N, C-alpha and C. Protein backbone atom coordinates (compact mmCIF):
# COMPACT_ATOMS: atom_id res chain seq x y z
N MET A 1 -46.16 -49.07 13.63
CA MET A 1 -45.08 -49.97 13.92
C MET A 1 -44.79 -50.87 12.57
N LYS A 2 -43.42 -51.06 12.61
CA LYS A 2 -42.65 -51.42 11.71
C LYS A 2 -43.12 -52.72 11.28
N SER A 3 -43.42 -53.72 10.55
CA SER A 3 -44.19 -55.15 10.45
C SER A 3 -42.58 -56.15 10.35
N ARG A 4 -42.59 -56.63 11.18
CA ARG A 4 -41.53 -57.95 11.05
C ARG A 4 -40.95 -58.14 9.58
N PRO A 5 -39.84 -58.55 9.45
CA PRO A 5 -39.28 -58.76 7.74
C PRO A 5 -39.49 -59.90 7.67
N LYS A 6 -39.75 -60.36 6.24
CA LYS A 6 -39.93 -61.69 6.28
C LYS A 6 -38.87 -62.39 5.39
N VAL A 7 -38.93 -63.46 5.99
CA VAL A 7 -37.83 -64.60 5.38
C VAL A 7 -38.03 -65.54 4.21
N LEU A 8 -37.89 -66.02 3.38
CA LEU A 8 -38.47 -67.09 2.61
C LEU A 8 -37.10 -68.03 3.01
N VAL A 9 -37.79 -69.48 3.32
CA VAL A 9 -36.55 -70.66 3.26
C VAL A 9 -36.70 -71.92 2.28
N VAL A 10 -36.08 -72.05 1.22
CA VAL A 10 -36.55 -73.33 0.67
C VAL A 10 -35.46 -74.36 0.63
N ASP A 11 -36.04 -75.16 0.73
CA ASP A 11 -34.85 -76.41 1.14
C ASP A 11 -35.66 -77.74 1.22
N ASP A 12 -35.38 -78.48 0.42
CA ASP A 12 -36.16 -80.14 0.32
C ASP A 12 -35.57 -80.84 1.48
N GLU A 13 -34.96 -80.67 1.93
CA GLU A 13 -34.44 -81.24 3.65
C GLU A 13 -35.29 -80.76 4.59
N PRO A 14 -36.47 -81.75 4.85
CA PRO A 14 -37.21 -80.65 6.14
C PRO A 14 -36.40 -80.54 6.83
N ASP A 15 -35.52 -81.55 7.73
CA ASP A 15 -34.97 -80.71 8.92
C ASP A 15 -33.98 -79.62 8.67
N TYR A 16 -33.30 -79.24 7.50
CA TYR A 16 -32.58 -78.24 6.97
C TYR A 16 -33.79 -76.95 6.87
N LEU A 17 -34.71 -77.28 6.72
CA LEU A 17 -36.05 -76.12 6.14
C LEU A 17 -36.75 -75.90 7.73
N ARG A 18 -36.58 -77.11 8.64
CA ARG A 18 -37.09 -76.60 9.72
C ARG A 18 -36.28 -75.42 10.66
N ILE A 19 -34.96 -76.03 10.84
CA ILE A 19 -33.66 -75.71 11.33
C ILE A 19 -33.83 -74.06 11.11
N ALA A 20 -33.50 -74.05 9.75
CA ALA A 20 -33.03 -71.97 8.85
C ALA A 20 -34.35 -71.58 9.47
N ALA A 21 -36.04 -71.98 9.48
CA ALA A 21 -36.71 -71.57 9.80
C ALA A 21 -36.87 -70.84 10.93
N ARG A 22 -36.75 -71.68 12.02
CA ARG A 22 -36.67 -71.52 13.42
C ARG A 22 -35.46 -70.54 13.79
N ILE A 23 -34.56 -70.53 12.79
CA ILE A 23 -33.32 -69.36 13.36
C ILE A 23 -34.22 -67.93 12.64
N ALA A 24 -34.52 -67.68 11.47
CA ALA A 24 -35.42 -67.16 10.87
C ALA A 24 -35.86 -66.51 12.19
N ALA A 25 -36.79 -66.60 12.56
CA ALA A 25 -37.99 -66.92 13.37
C ALA A 25 -37.35 -65.74 14.43
N LYS A 26 -35.97 -66.38 15.11
CA LYS A 26 -35.44 -66.60 16.02
C LYS A 26 -34.69 -64.48 16.19
N ALA A 27 -34.81 -64.58 15.17
CA ALA A 27 -33.80 -63.33 14.47
C ALA A 27 -34.86 -62.01 14.27
N GLY A 28 -36.49 -62.74 14.38
CA GLY A 28 -37.45 -61.06 14.43
C GLY A 28 -38.30 -61.18 13.38
N CYS A 29 -37.42 -62.34 12.67
CA CYS A 29 -38.47 -62.53 10.85
C CYS A 29 -40.15 -63.22 10.73
N ALA A 30 -40.85 -62.94 9.82
CA ALA A 30 -42.04 -63.61 9.74
C ALA A 30 -41.22 -64.45 8.64
N VAL A 31 -41.38 -65.79 9.03
CA VAL A 31 -40.95 -66.87 8.26
C VAL A 31 -41.86 -67.70 7.19
N LEU A 32 -41.75 -68.03 5.50
CA LEU A 32 -42.36 -68.36 4.72
C LEU A 32 -41.27 -69.46 4.60
N THR A 33 -41.91 -71.18 4.25
CA THR A 33 -41.50 -72.05 3.39
C THR A 33 -41.48 -72.44 2.47
N ALA A 34 -40.99 -73.34 1.65
CA ALA A 34 -41.20 -74.04 0.57
C ALA A 34 -40.21 -75.16 0.42
N PRO A 35 -40.75 -76.38 -0.22
CA PRO A 35 -39.82 -77.47 -0.27
C PRO A 35 -39.38 -77.86 -1.37
N THR A 36 -39.54 -77.03 -2.66
CA THR A 36 -38.85 -76.84 -3.82
C THR A 36 -38.81 -75.57 -4.40
N ALA A 37 -37.62 -75.80 -5.28
CA ALA A 37 -37.21 -74.28 -6.15
C ALA A 37 -38.54 -73.52 -6.75
N LEU A 38 -39.11 -74.38 -7.41
CA LEU A 38 -40.70 -73.84 -8.17
C LEU A 38 -41.67 -73.38 -7.19
N GLU A 39 -41.95 -74.06 -6.52
CA GLU A 39 -42.92 -73.68 -5.01
C GLU A 39 -42.14 -72.12 -4.52
N GLY A 40 -41.02 -71.63 -4.25
CA GLY A 40 -40.13 -71.07 -3.37
C GLY A 40 -40.07 -70.06 -4.51
N VAL A 41 -40.06 -70.31 -5.91
CA VAL A 41 -40.07 -69.22 -7.24
C VAL A 41 -41.57 -68.54 -6.78
N ALA A 42 -42.49 -69.12 -6.85
CA ALA A 42 -44.05 -68.61 -6.90
C ALA A 42 -44.42 -68.32 -5.44
N LEU A 43 -43.61 -68.49 -4.66
CA LEU A 43 -44.34 -67.82 -2.81
C LEU A 43 -43.51 -66.62 -2.81
N ALA A 44 -42.18 -66.42 -3.84
CA ALA A 44 -41.17 -65.50 -3.55
C ALA A 44 -42.10 -64.21 -4.55
N CYS A 45 -42.68 -64.89 -5.94
CA CYS A 45 -43.29 -63.78 -6.29
C CYS A 45 -44.65 -62.97 -5.94
N ALA A 46 -45.50 -63.91 -5.07
CA ALA A 46 -46.74 -63.60 -4.65
C ALA A 46 -46.27 -62.88 -3.63
N GLU A 47 -45.13 -63.24 -2.34
CA GLU A 47 -44.99 -62.46 -1.04
C GLU A 47 -44.04 -61.69 -1.01
N ARG A 48 -43.09 -61.33 -1.64
CA ARG A 48 -42.39 -60.34 -2.01
C ARG A 48 -41.55 -60.18 -0.50
N PRO A 49 -40.73 -61.40 -0.07
CA PRO A 49 -39.95 -61.89 0.75
C PRO A 49 -38.78 -60.32 1.22
N ASP A 50 -38.40 -60.01 2.15
CA ASP A 50 -37.42 -59.20 2.38
C ASP A 50 -36.04 -60.19 2.07
N MET A 51 -36.15 -61.50 2.21
CA MET A 51 -34.63 -62.03 2.65
C MET A 51 -35.07 -63.32 1.79
N ILE A 52 -34.15 -64.33 1.54
CA ILE A 52 -34.19 -65.54 1.17
C ILE A 52 -33.00 -66.36 1.44
N LEU A 53 -33.15 -67.48 2.04
CA LEU A 53 -32.18 -68.53 2.22
C LEU A 53 -32.91 -69.95 1.16
N LEU A 54 -32.01 -69.93 0.42
CA LEU A 54 -31.91 -70.78 -0.98
C LEU A 54 -31.41 -72.23 -1.19
N ASP A 55 -31.17 -73.28 -0.75
CA ASP A 55 -30.56 -74.18 -1.36
C ASP A 55 -30.48 -74.31 -2.73
N VAL A 56 -29.16 -74.89 -3.09
CA VAL A 56 -28.75 -74.76 -4.18
C VAL A 56 -28.92 -76.03 -4.54
N GLY A 57 -28.92 -77.31 -4.45
CA GLY A 57 -29.39 -78.33 -4.84
C GLY A 57 -30.77 -79.17 -4.40
N LEU A 58 -31.70 -78.56 -5.26
CA LEU A 58 -32.79 -79.10 -4.92
C LEU A 58 -33.86 -79.84 -6.18
N PRO A 59 -34.46 -80.40 -5.70
CA PRO A 59 -34.83 -82.36 -7.31
C PRO A 59 -35.32 -81.18 -7.97
N ASP A 60 -36.06 -80.41 -8.40
CA ASP A 60 -36.86 -79.80 -9.55
C ASP A 60 -35.69 -79.05 -10.32
N ILE A 61 -35.54 -77.81 -9.65
CA ILE A 61 -34.43 -76.56 -10.29
C ILE A 61 -33.51 -76.66 -9.97
N SER A 62 -32.56 -76.51 -10.05
CA SER A 62 -31.84 -75.58 -9.30
C SER A 62 -31.89 -74.37 -8.31
N GLY A 63 -30.98 -74.64 -7.23
CA GLY A 63 -31.65 -72.94 -6.36
C GLY A 63 -30.91 -71.94 -7.19
N PHE A 64 -29.93 -72.19 -8.25
CA PHE A 64 -29.62 -70.80 -9.19
C PHE A 64 -30.20 -70.50 -10.35
N GLU A 65 -30.93 -71.85 -10.65
CA GLU A 65 -32.26 -71.13 -11.20
C GLU A 65 -32.82 -70.60 -11.14
N ALA A 66 -33.67 -70.96 -9.63
CA ALA A 66 -34.55 -70.48 -8.86
C ALA A 66 -34.48 -68.73 -9.23
N ALA A 67 -33.03 -68.37 -8.65
CA ALA A 67 -32.83 -67.51 -8.09
C ALA A 67 -32.68 -66.41 -9.52
N ARG A 68 -32.25 -67.13 -10.70
CA ARG A 68 -32.36 -66.32 -11.54
C ARG A 68 -33.83 -66.35 -12.51
N ARG A 69 -34.62 -67.12 -11.70
CA ARG A 69 -36.08 -66.64 -12.07
C ARG A 69 -36.79 -65.61 -11.14
N MET A 70 -36.17 -65.58 -10.32
CA MET A 70 -36.96 -64.88 -9.22
C MET A 70 -36.22 -63.33 -9.52
N ARG A 71 -34.96 -63.12 -10.26
CA ARG A 71 -34.19 -62.03 -10.13
C ARG A 71 -35.21 -61.36 -11.00
N LYS A 72 -35.99 -61.94 -12.26
CA LYS A 72 -36.19 -60.90 -13.48
C LYS A 72 -37.69 -60.98 -13.05
N ASP A 73 -37.88 -60.35 -11.68
CA ASP A 73 -39.19 -60.46 -11.14
C ASP A 73 -38.53 -58.85 -10.36
N PRO A 74 -38.87 -57.36 -10.88
CA PRO A 74 -37.98 -56.24 -10.50
C PRO A 74 -38.31 -56.14 -9.25
N ALA A 75 -39.41 -56.55 -8.74
CA ALA A 75 -39.43 -56.70 -6.74
C ALA A 75 -38.52 -57.74 -6.25
N LEU A 76 -37.92 -58.09 -7.14
CA LEU A 76 -37.21 -59.53 -6.06
C LEU A 76 -35.57 -59.34 -6.99
N ALA A 77 -35.58 -58.28 -7.64
CA ALA A 77 -34.10 -58.41 -8.13
C ALA A 77 -32.87 -57.36 -6.94
N ALA A 78 -33.17 -57.05 -5.74
CA ALA A 78 -32.37 -56.58 -4.91
C ALA A 78 -32.68 -57.29 -3.74
N VAL A 79 -33.57 -58.57 -3.79
CA VAL A 79 -33.61 -59.04 -2.42
C VAL A 79 -32.81 -59.86 -1.97
N PRO A 80 -32.11 -59.47 -1.18
CA PRO A 80 -30.92 -60.75 -0.37
C PRO A 80 -30.94 -62.08 -0.62
N ILE A 81 -30.21 -62.71 -1.14
CA ILE A 81 -30.44 -64.39 -1.16
C ILE A 81 -29.17 -64.88 -0.44
N ILE A 82 -29.02 -65.78 0.54
CA ILE A 82 -27.95 -66.72 0.76
C ILE A 82 -28.38 -67.81 0.67
N PHE A 83 -27.39 -68.58 -0.14
CA PHE A 83 -27.12 -70.12 -0.81
C PHE A 83 -27.06 -71.07 0.33
N PHE A 84 -27.60 -72.00 0.54
CA PHE A 84 -27.29 -73.13 1.32
C PHE A 84 -26.36 -74.21 0.52
N THR A 85 -25.37 -74.94 1.06
CA THR A 85 -25.10 -76.03 -0.19
C THR A 85 -23.97 -76.98 0.55
N VAL A 86 -23.88 -78.27 0.24
CA VAL A 86 -23.16 -79.12 0.53
C VAL A 86 -21.77 -78.52 -0.01
N ARG A 87 -21.70 -78.10 -0.84
CA ARG A 87 -20.43 -77.89 -2.13
C ARG A 87 -19.99 -77.35 -1.80
N SER A 88 -18.22 -76.53 -1.98
CA SER A 88 -17.97 -75.82 -1.75
C SER A 88 -17.52 -75.52 -2.68
N GLU A 89 -17.45 -75.85 -3.86
CA GLU A 89 -16.22 -75.85 -5.16
C GLU A 89 -15.85 -74.27 -5.47
N LEU A 90 -15.30 -73.86 -6.28
CA LEU A 90 -15.26 -72.29 -6.14
C LEU A 90 -16.13 -71.53 -7.22
N ASP A 91 -16.03 -72.67 -8.19
CA ASP A 91 -17.27 -72.23 -9.61
C ASP A 91 -18.45 -72.50 -9.04
N MET A 92 -18.95 -73.20 -7.68
CA MET A 92 -20.24 -72.76 -6.99
C MET A 92 -20.28 -71.50 -6.58
N VAL A 93 -19.97 -71.52 -5.40
CA VAL A 93 -19.24 -70.19 -4.82
C VAL A 93 -19.68 -69.37 -6.39
N THR A 94 -18.83 -68.87 -7.28
CA THR A 94 -18.96 -68.20 -8.04
C THR A 94 -20.48 -67.61 -8.70
N GLU A 95 -20.44 -69.17 -9.32
CA GLU A 95 -21.79 -68.62 -9.71
C GLU A 95 -23.36 -68.31 -8.66
N GLY A 96 -22.88 -68.74 -7.49
CA GLY A 96 -24.03 -67.59 -6.67
C GLY A 96 -23.60 -66.05 -6.23
N LEU A 97 -22.03 -65.85 -6.32
CA LEU A 97 -21.86 -64.28 -6.30
C LEU A 97 -22.38 -63.50 -7.78
N LYS A 98 -22.22 -64.43 -8.71
CA LYS A 98 -22.76 -63.57 -10.06
C LYS A 98 -24.46 -63.44 -9.89
N LEU A 99 -24.69 -64.19 -9.33
CA LEU A 99 -26.35 -63.83 -9.01
C LEU A 99 -26.47 -63.38 -8.24
N GLY A 100 -25.93 -62.53 -7.42
CA GLY A 100 -25.78 -61.21 -6.44
C GLY A 100 -26.41 -62.04 -4.68
N ALA A 101 -25.77 -63.00 -4.74
CA ALA A 101 -25.74 -63.68 -3.19
C ALA A 101 -25.23 -62.54 -2.32
N ALA A 102 -26.15 -62.72 -1.06
CA ALA A 102 -25.56 -62.15 0.17
C ALA A 102 -24.75 -62.16 0.86
N GLY A 103 -24.57 -64.11 0.37
CA GLY A 103 -24.03 -65.15 1.03
C GLY A 103 -24.11 -66.16 0.73
N TYR A 104 -23.25 -67.08 1.12
CA TYR A 104 -23.29 -68.63 0.74
C TYR A 104 -22.73 -69.40 2.50
N VAL A 105 -23.44 -70.23 2.68
CA VAL A 105 -23.28 -70.85 3.86
C VAL A 105 -23.16 -72.49 3.26
N LEU A 106 -22.38 -72.91 4.02
CA LEU A 106 -22.35 -74.43 3.22
C LEU A 106 -22.81 -75.30 5.00
N LYS A 107 -23.76 -76.30 4.48
CA LYS A 107 -24.05 -77.02 5.27
C LYS A 107 -23.24 -78.20 5.88
N PRO A 108 -23.34 -79.08 6.97
CA PRO A 108 -24.05 -78.25 7.76
C PRO A 108 -23.62 -76.87 8.72
N PHE A 109 -24.64 -76.14 8.68
CA PHE A 109 -24.24 -74.80 9.08
C PHE A 109 -23.99 -74.82 11.01
N ASP A 110 -23.65 -73.72 11.28
CA ASP A 110 -23.00 -73.07 12.17
C ASP A 110 -24.80 -71.96 13.03
N PRO A 111 -25.47 -72.77 13.40
CA PRO A 111 -26.54 -71.72 13.63
C PRO A 111 -26.47 -70.45 14.27
N ASP A 112 -25.90 -69.79 14.95
CA ASP A 112 -25.49 -68.74 15.38
C ASP A 112 -24.78 -67.89 14.02
N GLU A 113 -23.76 -68.54 13.28
CA GLU A 113 -23.36 -67.94 11.83
C GLU A 113 -24.78 -67.50 10.88
N LEU A 114 -25.39 -68.46 10.81
CA LEU A 114 -26.52 -67.74 10.13
C LEU A 114 -27.59 -67.22 10.66
N LEU A 115 -27.64 -67.22 11.66
CA LEU A 115 -28.65 -66.20 12.78
C LEU A 115 -28.07 -64.64 12.54
N ARG A 116 -26.66 -64.94 12.43
CA ARG A 116 -26.18 -63.16 12.36
C ARG A 116 -26.07 -62.85 11.02
N ARG A 117 -26.09 -63.42 9.77
CA ARG A 117 -26.04 -63.41 8.40
C ARG A 117 -27.60 -63.12 7.85
N ILE A 118 -28.79 -63.62 8.88
CA ILE A 118 -29.75 -62.83 8.55
C ILE A 118 -30.25 -61.62 9.20
N LYS A 119 -29.86 -61.50 10.11
CA LYS A 119 -29.68 -59.94 10.86
C LYS A 119 -29.24 -59.30 10.13
N ALA A 120 -27.93 -59.28 9.78
CA ALA A 120 -27.01 -58.56 8.70
C ALA A 120 -28.02 -58.13 7.93
N ALA A 121 -28.35 -59.38 6.91
CA ALA A 121 -29.30 -59.49 5.44
C ALA A 121 -30.82 -58.46 5.42
N VAL A 122 -31.19 -58.33 6.73
CA VAL A 122 -32.56 -58.07 6.90
C VAL A 122 -32.55 -56.37 7.93
N SER A 123 -31.29 -56.39 8.34
CA SER A 123 -30.85 -55.20 9.24
C SER A 123 -31.85 -55.52 10.60
N VAL A 124 -31.67 -56.12 10.96
CA VAL A 124 -32.45 -56.20 12.76
C VAL A 124 -31.41 -56.16 13.27
N PRO A 125 -31.98 -55.90 14.74
CA PRO A 125 -30.28 -55.75 15.81
C PRO A 125 -30.54 -57.07 16.15
């Protein structure tokens, strides 16, 4: 039996962290969570998730910097990352895309849209 895909959710806002984790679980994924970027990087390197939901505006380092650090690990280089942010400026979106983002979700997000994106990124029906 194939194991459930693992999704790492990194967000410093407890409500968004909880909601995104619940949506990932609804998609049939095992969920890991981290409230800071540095904890997210460490958890990603240790657990090798199949997908990462990553807030851009984190208090310790930015989600973009966290993604750069994760991408240095060969096991994480191709893991889909969907960025969360409240900012929609073109340069922010461009930065995420340069880092190989699988998507960019604006907060507050539509739960159904996030569910669809998670399912598409980890290939669950």
